[in-house]
Amino acid sequence: PKSLIPIENKPMLVHILENLDPEVFNKIIIVGDTYFPMIQEYVSAFKHKTPIPIECIQVYEPPTRMLLQIKDKLSDTFAIHYCDIVTGKIAWKDAYERYLKTQEIDPGLAGNLFVSQYYYLPIGVVRQDLKKDGYISEFEEKPDRIMRNFVNMAVSIFSKKVLEDIHPADESFYGESIPRSISQGKRFLYQEHGKWYHFQRLGEWFDKQSEYYQSYKNKPR
């Protein structure tokens, strides 16, 4: 499984779990498909290192239908973190508190998406709302040109009401369901983050590992 590929000296999944803030999260749900028993073994070994309870669920569906299958297990406010994203230390508490505070004055708020300017491939592009500071005006998945806007990191906080906008045929949560939510009047904040890694290709993993081992080799003994 991609989530078990080592980044530096530990699996991607462990990087993700270590960066979850116990002051924000009361439960972790890890959802996977074909090779899930391997993931469960790693999670069993990690559980004692976090105070946050972890549940593993095997679902053979795309991410959109995975969410619908586990929706009864989700809190009214939940977070999503894709398994091939490594962020380093991330401001979960700031993002969560900002989301809750804004929701008090804006009941139509449905999420807070972490975004970055440190990734320039045209994957998911977030456009800022120039009329409402901190809000997203448009989301475009995999545009056909390089765009100098914020890039969606697939690390987000959501209200459970976004699940209402998932259609049965949707394959991409961010590419289809979230733009539909925006078109139907739901509103989303963006939360800026710095450097991060999205390991889509073997070359990206090789570059990161080469950088790590070069710095390790140069450390004084």
Protein backbone atom coordinates (compact mmCIF):
# COMPACT_ATOMS: atom_id res chain seq x y z
CA PRO A 1 0.00 0.00 0.00
CA LYS A 2 1.19 3.51 -0.82
CA SER A 3 0.60 4.66 2.77
CA LEU A 4 3.27 2.23 4.00
CA ILE A 5 6.02 3.47 1.67
CA PRO A 6 8.83 4.87 3.83
CA ILE A 7 9.38 8.62 3.82
CA GLU A 8 12.68 9.41 5.52
CA ASN A 9 12.74 6.61 8.11
CA LYS A 10 9.06 5.73 8.65
CA PRO A 11 5.90 4.99 6.63
CA MET A 12 3.78 7.83 5.29
CA LEU A 13 0.89 6.69 7.46
CA VAL A 14 2.97 7.14 10.63
CA HIS A 15 3.92 10.70 9.58
CA ILE A 16 0.20 11.47 9.23
CA LEU A 17 -0.79 9.90 12.57
CA GLU A 18 2.01 11.68 14.45
CA ASN A 19 0.81 15.06 13.19
CA LEU A 20 -2.79 14.67 14.40
CA ASP A 21 -3.50 16.89 17.39
CA PRO A 22 -5.12 15.10 20.40
CA GLU A 23 -6.67 18.45 21.40
CA VAL A 24 -8.64 18.43 18.13
CA PHE A 25 -9.32 14.77 17.32
CA ASN A 26 -11.29 12.35 19.48
CA LYS A 27 -11.08 9.46 17.02
CA ILE A 28 -9.11 8.37 13.94
CA ILE A 29 -10.79 6.27 11.24
CA ILE A 30 -8.45 4.70 8.70
CA VAL A 31 -10.22 3.47 5.58
CA GLY A 32 -8.58 1.25 2.96
CA ASP A 33 -9.25 -1.48 0.47
CA THR A 34 -7.24 -4.34 -1.06
CA TYR A 35 -4.11 -4.54 1.12
CA PHE A 36 -5.75 -3.31 4.29
CA PRO A 37 -4.58 -6.15 6.60
CA MET A 38 -0.99 -4.91 6.13
CA ILE A 39 -2.06 -1.43 7.20
CA GLN A 40 -3.84 -2.82 10.25
CA GLU A 41 -0.61 -4.50 11.38
CA TYR A 42 1.25 -1.18 11.31
CA VAL A 43 -1.61 0.58 13.10
CA SER A 44 -1.62 -2.06 15.84
CA ALA A 45 2.08 -1.39 16.43
CA PHE A 46 1.52 2.39 16.52
CA LYS A 47 -1.61 2.57 18.69
CA HIS A 48 0.23 2.84 21.99
CA LYS A 49 1.99 6.02 20.77
CA THR A 50 -1.17 8.13 20.48
CA PRO A 51 -3.95 8.91 22.97
CA ILE A 52 -6.43 9.12 20.08
CA PRO A 53 -8.47 5.90 19.54
CA ILE A 54 -7.97 4.37 16.08
CA GLU A 55 -10.53 2.34 14.11
CA CYS A 56 -9.69 0.56 10.84
CA ILE A 57 -12.38 -0.08 8.22
CA GLN A 58 -11.99 -1.97 4.95
CA VAL A 59 -14.17 -0.64 2.10
CA TYR A 60 -13.86 -1.54 -1.57
CA GLU A 61 -15.16 1.75 -2.98
CA PRO A 62 -13.84 5.09 -4.33
CA PRO A 63 -13.30 7.82 -1.68
CA THR A 64 -16.74 9.37 -2.28
CA ARG A 65 -18.64 6.14 -1.58
CA MET A 66 -16.25 5.28 1.25
CA LEU A 67 -17.40 8.49 2.96
CA LEU A 68 -21.05 7.59 2.50
CA GLN A 69 -20.48 4.12 3.91
CA ILE A 70 -18.85 5.41 7.10
CA LYS A 71 -20.94 8.58 7.55
CA ASP A 72 -22.70 7.22 10.66
CA LYS A 73 -19.29 6.93 12.33
CA LEU A 74 -18.34 10.55 11.58
CA SER A 75 -18.81 13.48 13.94
CA ASP A 76 -20.77 16.53 12.77
CA THR A 77 -17.35 18.07 12.11
CA PHE A 78 -14.72 15.71 10.69
CA ALA A 79 -11.40 15.90 8.87
CA ILE A 80 -10.00 14.17 5.79
CA HIS A 81 -6.31 13.45 5.20
CA TYR A 82 -5.36 11.54 2.05
CA CYS A 83 -2.74 8.84 2.59
CA ASP A 84 -0.14 10.08 0.07
CA ILE A 85 0.20 13.56 1.61
CA VAL A 86 2.99 14.40 4.06
CA THR A 87 2.61 17.88 5.55
CA GLY A 88 5.05 18.13 8.43
CA LYS A 89 3.68 19.93 11.49
CA ILE A 90 0.26 21.29 10.62
CA ALA A 91 -1.94 23.82 12.47
CA TRP A 92 -4.93 21.58 13.14
CA LYS A 93 -6.02 23.45 16.27
CA ASP A 94 -5.85 26.88 14.61
CA ALA A 95 -7.78 25.62 11.59
CA TYR A 96 -10.44 23.94 13.73
CA GLU A 97 -10.96 26.91 16.05
CA ARG A 98 -11.16 29.30 13.09
CA TYR A 99 -13.72 27.05 11.43
CA LEU A 100 -15.91 26.88 14.57
CA LYS A 101 -15.67 30.62 15.23
CA THR A 102 -16.60 31.50 11.63
CA GLN A 103 -19.45 29.00 11.61
CA GLU A 104 -21.06 30.87 14.53
CA ILE A 105 -21.59 33.90 12.26
CA ASP A 106 -21.90 31.99 8.96
CA PRO A 107 -24.19 28.94 9.24
CA GLY A 108 -23.56 28.19 5.56
CA LEU A 109 -19.92 27.40 6.24
CA ALA A 110 -19.14 23.79 5.34
CA GLY A 111 -15.38 23.41 5.64
CA ASN A 112 -11.83 24.69 5.95
CA LEU A 113 -9.35 23.43 3.34
CA PHE A 114 -5.59 23.45 3.85
CA VAL A 115 -3.91 25.02 0.82
CA SER A 116 -0.36 25.88 -0.20
CA GLN A 117 1.66 27.86 -2.71
CA TYR A 118 4.53 25.36 -2.47
CA TYR A 119 3.24 22.95 -5.09
CA TYR A 120 2.78 24.01 -8.68
CA LEU A 121 1.43 20.95 -10.47
CA PRO A 122 -2.13 21.60 -11.73
CA ILE A 123 -4.01 19.26 -9.39
CA GLY A 124 -6.74 20.87 -7.31
CA VAL A 125 -6.66 24.68 -7.55
CA VAL A 126 -8.41 26.95 -5.04
CA ARG A 127 -9.36 30.51 -6.01
CA GLN A 128 -9.61 33.09 -3.26
CA ASP A 129 -12.82 35.07 -2.88
CA LEU A 130 -11.70 38.67 -3.35
CA LYS A 131 -14.87 39.96 -1.69
CA LYS A 132 -14.74 37.76 1.44
CA ASP A 133 -11.35 37.45 3.09
CA GLY A 134 -10.28 33.86 3.80
CA TYR A 135 -13.04 32.27 1.72
CA ILE A 136 -12.84 30.12 -1.40
CA SER A 137 -14.76 31.34 -4.45
CA GLU A 138 -14.04 28.43 -6.78
CA PHE A 139 -12.39 25.04 -6.83
CA GLU A 140 -11.07 23.44 -10.01
CA GLU A 141 -9.68 19.91 -10.11
CA LYS A 142 -6.78 19.25 -12.51
CA PRO A 143 -7.05 22.37 -14.69
CA ASP A 144 -5.48 22.12 -18.15
CA ARG A 145 -2.95 24.90 -17.43
CA ILE A 146 -0.60 25.99 -14.65
CA MET A 147 -2.41 28.49 -12.43
CA ARG A 148 -0.81 30.68 -9.75
CA ASN A 149 -3.48 30.10 -7.17
CA PHE A 150 -3.43 28.10 -3.96
CA VAL A 151 -3.24 24.34 -4.39
CA ASN A 152 -5.61 22.10 -2.44
CA MET A 153 -3.68 19.68 -0.21
CA ALA A 154 -6.48 17.09 0.28
CA VAL A 155 -6.21 17.79 4.01
CA SER A 156 -9.38 19.47 5.25
CA ILE A 157 -11.98 20.00 7.95
CA PHE A 158 -15.63 19.52 6.92
CA SER A 159 -19.16 19.75 8.17
CA LYS A 160 -21.09 16.53 7.71
CA LYS A 161 -23.54 18.42 5.49
CA VAL A 162 -21.05 18.23 2.56
CA LEU A 163 -21.95 14.53 2.32
CA GLU A 164 -25.39 15.59 1.05
CA ASP A 165 -23.71 16.75 -2.18
CA ILE A 166 -22.07 13.43 -3.07
CA HIS A 167 -23.85 11.84 -6.02
CA PRO A 168 -23.75 8.04 -6.47
CA ALA A 169 -21.70 8.36 -9.67
CA ASP A 170 -19.03 10.64 -8.14
CA GLU A 171 -15.51 9.21 -8.23
CA SER A 172 -13.65 12.27 -6.88
CA PHE A 173 -14.70 13.96 -3.64
CA TYR A 174 -12.67 17.12 -4.26
CA GLY A 175 -13.09 17.09 -8.05
CA GLU A 176 -16.85 16.54 -8.21
CA SER A 177 -18.57 16.70 -4.81
CA ILE A 178 -16.90 19.84 -3.39
CA PRO A 179 -17.45 21.98 -6.55
CA ARG A 180 -21.09 20.87 -6.40
CA SER A 181 -21.30 22.01 -2.77
CA ILE A 182 -19.91 25.42 -3.77
CA SER A 183 -22.37 25.72 -6.66
CA GLN A 184 -25.24 24.97 -4.26
CA GLY A 185 -24.26 27.78 -1.90
CA LYS A 186 -22.11 26.10 0.72
CA ARG A 187 -19.06 28.10 1.71
CA PHE A 188 -15.50 27.07 2.50
CA LEU A 189 -12.53 28.74 4.15
CA TYR A 190 -8.92 28.12 3.18
CA GLN A 191 -6.09 27.65 5.65
CA GLU A 192 -2.59 28.42 4.36
CA HIS A 193 0.20 25.91 4.98
CA GLY A 194 3.85 25.91 3.99
CA LYS A 195 5.92 23.17 2.41
CA TRP A 196 4.33 19.76 1.89
CA TYR A 197 4.74 16.65 -0.26
CA HIS A 198 2.29 14.80 -2.47
CA PHE A 199 3.74 11.44 -3.48
CA GLN A 200 1.91 10.68 -6.70
CA ARG A 201 4.88 9.30 -8.63
CA LEU A 202 7.94 7.20 -7.89
CA GLY A 203 10.21 10.10 -8.91
CA GLU A 204 8.80 12.35 -6.17
CA TRP A 205 9.46 9.69 -3.55
CA PHE A 206 12.99 9.09 -4.89
CA ASP A 207 13.82 12.82 -4.78
CA LYS A 208 12.61 13.14 -1.17
CA GLN A 209 14.49 10.05 -0.01
CA SER A 210 17.67 11.16 -1.80
CA GLU A 211 17.44 14.54 -0.07
CA TYR A 212 16.97 12.85 3.32
CA TYR A 213 19.80 10.34 2.98
CA GLN A 214 22.18 12.99 1.67
CA SER A 215 21.52 15.16 4.72
CA TYR A 216 21.82 12.11 6.99
CA LYS A 217 25.16 11.14 5.42
CA ASN A 218 26.51 14.67 6.00
CA LYS A 219 25.60 14.76 9.70
CA PRO A 220 28.61 14.77 12.06
CA ARG A 221 29.17 11.43 13.81
